[in-house]
Structures are given as C-alpha cells and as structure tokens.
PDB file of N, CA and C in Angstrom:
ATOM      1  N   UNK A   1       0.792  -1.270   0.116  1.00  0.00           N
ATOM      2  CA  UNK A   1      -0.007  -0.027   0.041  1.00  0.00           C
ATOM      3  C   UNK A   1       1.009   1.430  -0.140  1.00  0.00           C
ATOM      4  N   UNK A   2       0.590   2.213  -0.785  1.00  0.00           N
ATOM      5  CA  UNK A   2       1.390   3.411  -0.982  1.00  0.00           C
ATOM      6  C   UNK A   2       0.901   4.465  -0.151  1.00  0.00           C
ATOM      7  N   UNK A   3       2.038   5.029   0.502  1.00  0.00           N
ATOM      8  CA  UNK A   3       1.750   6.354   1.321  1.00  0.00           C
ATOM      9  C   UNK A   3       1.355   7.450   0.740  1.00  0.00           C
ATOM     10  N   UNK A   4       0.025   7.974   0.839  1.00  0.00           N
ATOM     11  CA  UNK A   4      -0.176   9.172   0.185  1.00  0.00           C
ATOM     12  C   UNK A   4      -0.727  10.442   1.242  1.00  0.00           C
ATOM     13  N   UNK A   5      -0.411  11.607   0.908  1.00  0.00           N
ATOM     14  CA  UNK A   5      -0.528  12.651   1.653  1.00  0.00           C
ATOM     15  C   UNK A   5      -1.771  13.370   1.424  1.00  0.00           C
ATOM     16  N   UNK A   6      -2.198  13.273   0.256  1.00  0.00           N
ATOM     17  CA  UNK A   6      -3.674  13.736  -0.054  1.00  0.00           C
ATOM     18  C   UNK A   6      -4.592  12.666  -0.449  1.00  0.00           C
ATOM     19  N   UNK A   7      -5.940  13.023  -0.136  1.00  0.00           N
ATOM     20  CA  UNK A   7      -6.859  11.914  -0.368  1.00  0.00           C
ATOM     21  C   UNK A   7      -7.515  12.537  -1.977  1.00  0.00           C
ATOM     22  N   UNK A   8      -7.567  11.628  -2.822  1.00  0.00           N
ATOM     23  CA  UNK A   8      -8.122  11.748  -4.037  1.00  0.00           C
ATOM     24  C   UNK A   8      -9.528  11.620  -4.006  1.00  0.00           C
ATOM     25  N   UNK A   9     -10.483  12.651  -4.435  1.00  0.00           N
ATOM     26  CA  UNK A   9     -12.177  12.496  -4.307  1.00  0.00           C
ATOM     27  C   UNK A   9     -12.429  11.331  -5.095  1.00  0.00           C
ATOM     28  N   UNK A  10     -13.503  10.476  -4.586  1.00  0.00           N
ATOM     29  CA  UNK A  10     -14.046   9.339  -5.171  1.00  0.00           C
ATOM     30  C   UNK A  10     -15.227  10.004  -6.090  1.00  0.00           C
ATOM     31  N   UNK A  11     -15.603   9.142  -6.862  1.00  0.00           N
ATOM     32  CA  UNK A  11     -17.014   9.252  -7.848  1.00  0.00           C
ATOM     33  C   UNK A  11     -18.137   9.165  -7.015  1.00  0.00           C
ATOM     34  N   UNK A  12     -18.892  10.088  -7.309  1.00  0.00           N
ATOM     35  CA  UNK A  12     -20.237   9.939  -6.257  1.00  0.00           C
ATOM     36  C   UNK A  12     -21.277   9.245  -6.979  1.00  0.00           C
ATOM     37  N   UNK A  13     -22.122   8.261  -6.346  1.00  0.00           N
ATOM     38  CA  UNK A  13     -22.638   7.544  -6.727  1.00  0.00           C
ATOM     39  C   UNK A  13     -24.349   7.706  -6.577  1.00  0.00           C
ATOM     40  N   UNK A  14     -25.128   7.839  -7.477  1.00  0.00           N
ATOM     41  CA  UNK A  14     -26.608   8.121  -7.265  1.00  0.00           C
ATOM     42  C   UNK A  14     -27.379   6.818  -7.725  1.00  0.00           C
ATOM     43  N   UNK A  15     -28.612   6.407  -7.016  1.00  0.00           N
ATOM     44  CA  UNK A  15     -29.385   5.544  -7.381  1.00  0.00           C
ATOM     45  C   UNK A  15     -30.682   6.199  -8.120  1.00  0.00           C
ATOM     46  N   UNK A  16     -30.227   6.788  -9.409  1.00  0.00           N
ATOM     47  CA  UNK A  16     -31.152   7.311 -10.059  1.00  0.00           C
ATOM     48  C   UNK A  16     -31.944   6.658 -11.109  1.00  0.00           C
ATOM     49  N   UNK A  17     -33.189   6.152 -11.176  1.00  0.00           N
ATOM     50  CA  UNK A  17     -33.732   5.508 -12.173  1.00  0.00           C
ATOM     51  C   UNK A  17     -34.802   6.667 -12.845  1.00  0.00           C
ATOM     52  N   UNK A  18     -34.353   6.652 -14.073  1.00  0.00           N
ATOM     53  CA  UNK A  18     -35.509   7.518 -14.979  1.00  0.00           C
ATOM     54  C   UNK A  18     -36.907   6.844 -14.977  1.00  0.00           C
ATOM     55  N   UNK A  19     -38.005   7.705 -15.020  1.00  0.00           N
ATOM     56  CA  UNK A  19     -39.509   7.248 -15.189  1.00  0.00           C
ATOM     57  C   UNK A  19     -39.796   7.632 -16.511  1.00  0.00           C
ATOM     58  N   UNK A  20     -40.178   6.709 -17.328  1.00  0.00           N
ATOM     59  CA  UNK A  20     -40.946   7.066 -18.638  1.00  0.00           C
ATOM     60  C   UNK A  20     -42.280   7.038 -18.581  1.00  0.00           C
ATOM     61  N   UNK A  21     -43.013   8.050 -18.857  1.00  0.00           N
ATOM     62  CA  UNK A  21     -44.581   8.341 -18.555  1.00  0.00           C
ATOM     63  C   UNK A  21     -44.889   8.191 -19.995  1.00  0.00           C
ATOM     64  N   UNK A  22     -45.898   7.449 -20.248  1.00  0.00           N
ATOM     65  CA  UNK A  22     -46.463   7.175 -21.530  1.00  0.00           C
ATOM     66  C   UNK A  22     -47.967   7.544 -21.528  1.00  0.00           C
ATOM     67  N   UNK A  23     -48.307   8.738 -22.221  1.00  0.00           N
ATOM     68  CA  UNK A  23     -49.542   9.440 -21.951  1.00  0.00           C
ATOM     69  C   UNK A  23     -50.623   8.648 -22.689  1.00  0.00           C
ATOM     70  N   UNK A  24     -50.245   8.033 -23.960  1.00  0.00           N
ATOM     71  CA  UNK A  24     -51.393   7.366 -24.793  1.00  0.00           C
ATOM     72  C   UNK A  24     -51.555   5.894 -24.083  1.00  0.00           C
ATOM     73  N   UNK A  25     -50.269   5.669 -23.475  1.00  0.00           N
ATOM     74  CA  UNK A  25     -50.828   4.191 -22.793  1.00  0.00           C
ATOM     75  C   UNK A  25     -51.732   4.424 -21.421  1.00  0.00           C
ATOM     76  N   UNK A  26     -51.465   5.506 -20.812  1.00  0.00           N
ATOM     77  CA  UNK A  26     -52.248   5.893 -19.832  1.00  0.00           C
ATOM     78  C   UNK A  26     -53.784   6.143 -20.166  1.00  0.00           C
ATOM     79  N   UNK A  27     -54.037   6.801 -20.918  1.00  0.00           N
ATOM     80  CA  UNK A  27     -55.459   7.024 -21.414  1.00  0.00           C
ATOM     81  C   UNK A  27     -55.966   5.575 -21.962  1.00  0.00           C
ATOM     82  N   UNK A  28     -55.477   4.756 -22.663  1.00  0.00           N
ATOM     83  CA  UNK A  28     -55.868   3.612 -23.193  1.00  0.00           C
ATOM     84  C   UNK A  28     -56.170   2.718 -22.036  1.00  0.00           C
ATOM     85  N   UNK A  29     -55.389   2.649 -21.104  1.00  0.00           N
ATOM     86  CA  UNK A  29     -55.387   1.719 -19.606  1.00  0.00           C
ATOM     87  C   UNK A  29     -56.738   2.366 -19.031  1.00  0.00           C
ATOM     88  N   UNK A  30     -57.174   3.605 -19.014  1.00  0.00           N
ATOM     89  CA  UNK A  30     -58.167   4.254 -18.458  1.00  0.00           C
ATOM     90  C   UNK A  30     -59.588   3.976 -19.074  1.00  0.00           C
ATOM     91  N   UNK A  31     -59.284   3.795 -20.533  1.00  0.00           N
ATOM     92  CA  UNK A  31     -60.560   3.625 -21.214  1.00  0.00           C
ATOM     93  C   UNK A  31     -61.074   2.179 -21.212  1.00  0.00           C
ATOM     94  N   UNK A  32     -60.029   1.334 -21.124  1.00  0.00           N
ATOM     95  CA  UNK A  32     -60.264   0.021 -20.931  1.00  0.00           C
ATOM     96  C   UNK A  32     -60.921  -0.240 -19.497  1.00  0.00           C
ATOM     97  N   UNK A  33     -60.329   0.629 -18.655  1.00  0.00           N
ATOM     98  CA  UNK A  33     -60.879   0.228 -17.246  1.00  0.00           C
ATOM     99  C   UNK A  33     -62.171   0.607 -17.163  1.00  0.00           C
ATOM    100  N   UNK A  34     -62.713   1.802 -17.614  1.00  0.00           N
ATOM    101  CA  UNK A  34     -64.176   2.175 -17.634  1.00  0.00           C
ATOM    102  C   UNK A  34     -65.056   1.364 -18.725  1.00  0.00           C
ATOM    103  N   UNK A  35     -64.652   0.706 -19.637  1.00  0.00           N
ATOM    104  CA  UNK A  35     -65.356  -0.158 -20.161  1.00  0.00           C
ATOM    105  C   UNK A  35     -65.389  -1.286 -19.747  1.00  0.00           C
ATOM    106  N   UNK A  36     -64.750  -1.953 -18.871  1.00  0.00           N
ATOM    107  CA  UNK A  36     -64.970  -3.290 -18.009  1.00  0.00           C
ATOM    108  C   UNK A  36     -65.632  -2.883 -16.676  1.00  0.00           C
ATOM    109  N   UNK A  37     -65.729  -1.691 -16.430  1.00  0.00           N
ATOM    110  CA  UNK A  37     -66.430  -1.583 -15.225  1.00  0.00           C
ATOM    111  C   UNK A  37     -67.848  -1.970 -15.243  1.00  0.00           C
ATOM    112  N   UNK A  38     -68.232  -2.623 -14.470  1.00  0.00           N
ATOM    113  CA  UNK A  38     -70.064  -2.846 -14.426  1.00  0.00           C
ATOM    114  C   UNK A  38     -70.968  -1.800 -13.911  1.00  0.00           C
ATOM    115  N   UNK A  39     -70.166  -0.997 -13.180  1.00  0.00           N
ATOM    116  CA  UNK A  39     -71.040   0.320 -12.631  1.00  0.00           C
ATOM    117  C   UNK A  39     -71.027   1.305 -13.644  1.00  0.00           C
ATOM    118  N   UNK A  40     -70.363   1.343 -14.748  1.00  0.00           N
ATOM    119  CA  UNK A  40     -70.473   2.398 -15.846  1.00  0.00           C
ATOM    120  C   UNK A  40     -71.893   2.127 -16.593  1.00  0.00           C
ATOM    121  N   UNK A  41     -72.777   2.329 -16.074  1.00  0.00           N
ATOM    122  CA  UNK A  41     -74.327   2.323 -16.624  1.00  0.00           C
ATOM    123  C   UNK A  41     -74.684   3.442 -17.317  1.00  0.00           C
ATOM    124  N   UNK A  42     -73.918   4.613 -16.878  1.00  0.00           N
ATOM    125  CA  UNK A  42     -74.222   6.119 -17.244  1.00  0.00           C
ATOM    126  C   UNK A  42     -73.697   6.134 -19.063  1.00  0.00           C
ATOM    127  N   UNK A  43     -74.441   5.833 -19.826  1.00  0.00           N
ATOM    128  CA  UNK A  43     -74.308   5.891 -21.098  1.00  0.00           C
ATOM    129  C   UNK A  43     -73.864   7.145 -22.005  1.00  0.00           C
ATOM    130  N   UNK A  44     -74.540   8.320 -21.168  1.00  0.00           N
ATOM    131  CA  UNK A  44     -74.259   9.555 -21.853  1.00  0.00           C
ATOM    132  C   UNK A  44     -72.828  10.014 -21.429  1.00  0.00           C
ATOM    133  N   UNK A  45     -72.433   9.657 -20.062  1.00  0.00           N
ATOM    134  CA  UNK A  45     -71.041  10.222 -19.649  1.00  0.00           C
ATOM    135  C   UNK A  45     -70.078   9.328 -20.345  1.00  0.00           C
ATOM    136  N   UNK A  46     -70.225   8.235 -20.708  1.00  0.00           N
ATOM    137  CA  UNK A  46     -69.193   7.386 -21.507  1.00  0.00           C
ATOM    138  C   UNK A  46     -69.156   7.934 -23.088  1.00  0.00           C
ATOM    139  N   UNK A  47     -70.293   8.309 -23.495  1.00  0.00           N
ATOM    140  CA  UNK A  47     -70.381   8.762 -25.078  1.00  0.00           C
ATOM    141  C   UNK A  47     -69.517  10.341 -25.065  1.00  0.00           C
ATOM    142  N   UNK A  48     -69.797  11.245 -23.877  1.00  0.00           N
ATOM    143  CA  UNK A  48     -69.081  12.322 -23.879  1.00  0.00           C
ATOM    144  C   UNK A  48     -67.673  12.164 -23.948  1.00  0.00           C
ATOM    145  N   UNK A  49     -67.068  11.111 -22.805  1.00  0.00           N
ATOM    146  CA  UNK A  49     -65.448  10.913 -22.785  1.00  0.00           C
ATOM    147  C   UNK A  49     -65.024  10.361 -24.148  1.00  0.00           C
ATOM    148  N   UNK A  50     -65.722   9.491 -24.885  1.00  0.00           N
ATOM    149  CA  UNK A  50     -65.309   8.935 -26.242  1.00  0.00           C
ATOM    150  C   UNK A  50     -65.193   9.981 -27.068  1.00  0.00           C
ATOM    151  N   UNK A  51     -66.052  11.190 -27.060  1.00  0.00           N
ATOM    152  CA  UNK A  51     -66.445  12.188 -28.141  1.00  0.00           C
ATOM    153  C   UNK A  51     -65.124  12.756 -27.734  1.00  0.00           C
ATOM    154  N   UNK A  52     -64.627  13.474 -26.299  1.00  0.00           N
ATOM    155  CA  UNK A  52     -63.790  14.128 -26.083  1.00  0.00           C
ATOM    156  C   UNK A  52     -62.215  13.721 -26.471  1.00  0.00           C
ATOM    157  N   UNK A  53     -62.081  12.453 -26.306  1.00  0.00           N
ATOM    158  CA  UNK A  53     -60.690  11.768 -26.653  1.00  0.00           C
ATOM    159  C   UNK A  53     -60.656  11.543 -28.176  1.00  0.00           C
ATOM    160  N   UNK A  54     -61.807  11.490 -29.071  1.00  0.00           N
ATOM    161  CA  UNK A  54     -61.692  11.547 -30.335  1.00  0.00           C
ATOM    162  C   UNK A  54     -61.555  13.041 -31.053  1.00  0.00           C
ATOM    163  N   UNK A  55     -61.988  13.793 -30.488  1.00  0.00           N
ATOM    164  CA  UNK A  55     -61.868  15.274 -30.934  1.00  0.00           C
ATOM    165  C   UNK A  55     -60.372  15.327 -30.515  1.00  0.00           C
ATOM    166  N   UNK A  56     -60.024  14.966 -29.549  1.00  0.00           N
ATOM    167  CA  UNK A  56     -58.745  15.789 -28.969  1.00  0.00           C
ATOM    168  C   UNK A  56     -57.390  14.910 -29.816  1.00  0.00           C
ATOM    169  N   UNK A  57     -57.934  13.652 -30.486  1.00  0.00           N
ATOM    170  CA  UNK A  57     -56.943  12.936 -31.237  1.00  0.00           C
ATOM    171  C   UNK A  57     -56.793  13.766 -32.601  1.00  0.00           C
ATOM    172  N   UNK A  58     -58.076  13.963 -33.144  1.00  0.00           N
ATOM    173  CA  UNK A  58     -58.103  14.671 -34.618  1.00  0.00           C
ATOM    174  C   UNK A  58     -57.795  16.020 -34.557  1.00  0.00           C
ATOM    175  N   UNK A  59     -57.969  16.676 -33.315  1.00  0.00           N
ATOM    176  CA  UNK A  59     -57.251  18.075 -33.197  1.00  0.00           C
ATOM    177  C   UNK A  59     -55.650  18.105 -33.342  1.00  0.00           C
ATOM    178  N   UNK A  60     -55.126  16.941 -32.618  1.00  0.00           N
ATOM    179  CA  UNK A  60     -53.938  16.643 -32.638  1.00  0.00           C
ATOM    180  C   UNK A  60     -53.315  16.492 -34.106  1.00  0.00           C
ATOM    181  N   UNK A  61     -53.919  15.695 -34.657  1.00  0.00           N
ATOM    182  CA  UNK A  61     -53.684  15.325 -36.135  1.00  0.00           C
ATOM    183  C   UNK A  61     -53.635  16.431 -37.114  1.00  0.00           C
ATOM    184  N   UNK A  62     -54.776  17.365 -36.779  1.00  0.00           N
ATOM    185  CA  UNK A  62     -55.098  18.504 -37.767  1.00  0.00           C
ATOM    186  C   UNK A  62     -53.964  19.362 -37.480  1.00  0.00           C
ATOM    187  N   UNK A  63     -53.418  19.509 -36.378  1.00  0.00           N
ATOM    188  CA  UNK A  63     -52.435  20.736 -35.954  1.00  0.00           C
ATOM    189  C   UNK A  63     -51.043  20.183 -36.658  1.00  0.00           C
ATOM    190  N   UNK A  64     -50.644  18.749 -36.396  1.00  0.00           N
ATOM    191  CA  UNK A  64     -49.627  18.358 -36.978  1.00  0.00           C
ATOM    192  C   UNK A  64     -49.543  18.412 -38.373  1.00  0.00           C
ATOM    193  N   UNK A  65     -50.524  18.114 -39.233  1.00  0.00           N
ATOM    194  CA  UNK A  65     -50.757  18.287 -40.651  1.00  0.00           C
ATOM    195  C   UNK A  65     -50.298  19.786 -41.160  1.00  0.00           C
ATOM    196  N   UNK A  66     -51.229  20.771 -40.346  1.00  0.00           N
ATOM    197  CA  UNK A  66     -50.893  22.048 -40.772  1.00  0.00           C
ATOM    198  C   UNK A  66     -49.528  22.524 -40.634  1.00  0.00           C
ATOM    199  N   UNK A  67     -48.766  21.939 -39.639  1.00  0.00           N
ATOM    200  CA  UNK A  67     -47.374  22.418 -39.241  1.00  0.00           C
ATOM    201  C   UNK A  67     -46.383  21.659 -40.251  1.00  0.00           C
ATOM    202  N   UNK A  68     -46.888  20.374 -40.669  1.00  0.00           N
ATOM    203  CA  UNK A  68     -46.272  19.780 -42.013  1.00  0.00           C
ATOM    204  C   UNK A  68     -46.149  20.383 -43.198  1.00  0.00           C
ATOM    205  N   UNK A  69     -47.453  21.043 -43.546  1.00  0.00           N
ATOM    206  CA  UNK A  69     -47.749  21.779 -44.536  1.00  0.00           C
ATOM    207  C   UNK A  69     -46.975  23.154 -44.700  1.00  0.00           C
ATOM    208  N   UNK A  70     -47.034  23.888 -43.600  1.00  0.00           N
ATOM    209  CA  UNK A  70     -46.203  25.162 -43.271  1.00  0.00           C
ATOM    210  C   UNK A  70     -44.763  25.001 -43.802  1.00  0.00           C
ATOM    211  N   UNK A  71     -44.328  23.980 -43.122  1.00  0.00           N
ATOM    212  CA  UNK A  71     -42.701  23.580 -43.408  1.00  0.00           C
ATOM    213  C   UNK A  71     -42.490  23.211 -44.915  1.00  0.00           C
ATOM    214  N   UNK A  72     -43.175  22.632 -45.620  1.00  0.00           N
ATOM    215  CA  UNK A  72     -43.200  22.289 -47.031  1.00  0.00           C
ATOM    216  C   UNK A  72     -42.988  23.543 -47.909  1.00  0.00           C
ATOM    217  N   UNK A  73     -44.202  24.738 -47.498  1.00  0.00           N
ATOM    218  CA  UNK A  73     -44.331  25.626 -48.158  1.00  0.00           C
ATOM    219  C   UNK A  73     -42.943  26.512 -47.989  1.00  0.00           C
ATOM    220  N   UNK A  74     -42.420  26.781 -46.461  1.00  0.00           N
ATOM    221  CA  UNK A  74     -41.364  27.334 -46.292  1.00  0.00           C
ATOM    222  C   UNK A  74     -40.097  26.858 -47.365  1.00  0.00           C
ATOM    223  N   UNK A  75     -39.935  25.464 -47.176  1.00  0.00           N
ATOM    224  CA  UNK A  75     -38.736  24.881 -48.007  1.00  0.00           C
ATOM    225  C   UNK A  75     -39.059  25.390 -49.428  1.00  0.00           C
ATOM    226  N   UNK A  76     -40.198  25.330 -50.047  1.00  0.00           N
ATOM    227  CA  UNK A  76     -40.378  25.751 -51.453  1.00  0.00           C
ATOM    228  C   UNK A  76     -40.158  27.187 -51.598  1.00  0.00           C
ATOM    229  N   UNK A  77     -40.287  27.916 -50.834  1.00  0.00           N
ATOM    230  CA  UNK A  77     -40.008  29.336 -50.984  1.00  0.00           C
ATOM    231  C   UNK A  77     -38.432  29.590 -50.786  1.00  0.00           C
ATOM    232  N   UNK A  78     -37.794  28.877 -49.851  1.00  0.00           N
ATOM    233  CA  UNK A  78     -36.553  29.096 -49.841  1.00  0.00           C
ATOM    234  C   UNK A  78     -35.775  28.660 -51.236  1.00  0.00           C
ATOM    235  N   UNK A  79     -36.236  27.416 -51.603  1.00  0.00           N
ATOM    236  CA  UNK A  79     -35.510  27.139 -52.718  1.00  0.00           C
ATOM    237  C   UNK A  79     -35.653  27.904 -54.082  1.00  0.00           C
ATOM    238  N   UNK A  80     -36.941  28.665 -54.216  1.00  0.00           N
ATOM    239  CA  UNK A  80     -37.178  29.377 -55.158  1.00  0.00           C
ATOM    240  C   UNK A  80     -36.444  30.568 -55.083  1.00  0.00           C
ATOM    241  N   UNK A  81     -36.187  31.184 -53.836  1.00  0.00           N
ATOM    242  CA  UNK A  81     -35.332  32.308 -53.677  1.00  0.00           C
ATOM    243  C   UNK A  81     -33.843  32.061 -53.854  1.00  0.00           C
ATOM    244  N   UNK A  82     -33.413  30.809 -53.613  1.00  0.00           N
ATOM    245  CA  UNK A  82     -32.075  30.347 -53.879  1.00  0.00           C
ATOM    246  C   UNK A  82     -31.949  30.121 -55.518  1.00  0.00           C
ATOM    247  N   UNK A  83     -33.132  29.735 -55.992  1.00  0.00           N
ATOM    248  CA  UNK A  83     -32.843  29.446 -57.439  1.00  0.00           C
ATOM    249  C   UNK A  83     -32.749  30.954 -58.112  1.00  0.00           C
ATOM    250  N   UNK A  84     -33.439  31.755 -57.581  1.00  0.00           N
ATOM    251  CA  UNK A  84     -33.520  33.163 -58.380  1.00  0.00           C
ATOM    252  C   UNK A  84     -32.198  33.816 -57.893  1.00  0.00           C
ATOM    253  N   UNK A  85     -31.666  33.859 -56.905  1.00  0.00           N
ATOM    254  CA  UNK A  85     -30.378  34.531 -56.494  1.00  0.00           C
ATOM    255  C   UNK A  85     -29.153  33.801 -57.314  1.00  0.00           C
ATOM    256  N   UNK A  86     -28.983  32.624 -57.419  1.00  0.00           N
ATOM    257  CA  UNK A  86     -27.829  31.923 -57.908  1.00  0.00           C
ATOM    258  C   UNK A  86     -27.900  31.641 -59.582  1.00  0.00           C
ATOM    259  N   UNK A  87     -29.085  31.493 -59.872  1.00  0.00           N
ATOM    260  CA  UNK A  87     -29.085  30.945 -61.360  1.00  0.00           C
ATOM    261  C   UNK A  87     -29.551  31.945 -62.225  1.00  0.00           C
ATOM    262  N   UNK A  88     -30.137  33.069 -61.954  1.00  0.00           N
ATOM    263  CA  UNK A  88     -30.586  34.001 -62.656  1.00  0.00           C
ATOM    264  C   UNK A  88     -29.733  35.446 -62.521  1.00  0.00           C
TER     265      UNK A  88
END
C-alpha cells in the first residue's frame, strides 16, 4: 500500500432511475378500465368521454398536418429564392 499525503476524491454514486411516462398508454388503460367496469351504466357520460378523446386525437392530427404543410411551403419558398439568386 502506497503512502499518500492527499486523498483523491471518489466518484459519487447516485441511485437514479429515470421514469418514462406514456400518456397514450395511460389513456388507453383508463378507457379499458371504464369499459370493463360494471357500474358504468351512465351511457351519456361514456359517450361524452369517447367524443372528447376522439376530438382531441383529431385536433392533434390536424395541427400536425398544418405544421407539416407550413414547413413544405417554407422549403419551397427558400428553394425558389436560392434559385433566383444563384441561377438568374
């Protein structure tokens, strides 16, 4: 064993485990749970919940599609500007 005058610091150890949250899986499990409950006799409430989730899903898809269209239009405009600047 070597004789040392100064202690070198050791690496710190952490017990960190990252947690992954899947919102779609959580919503799916909630829908399955409500579908299998026998007390869920309130048809109107279940219908409203289904309509709300369907509307949310379609609104997300609509906004994603609009964003993609904007991106394509911007790329086309940039391409046309480069074409006009460098080739004309």
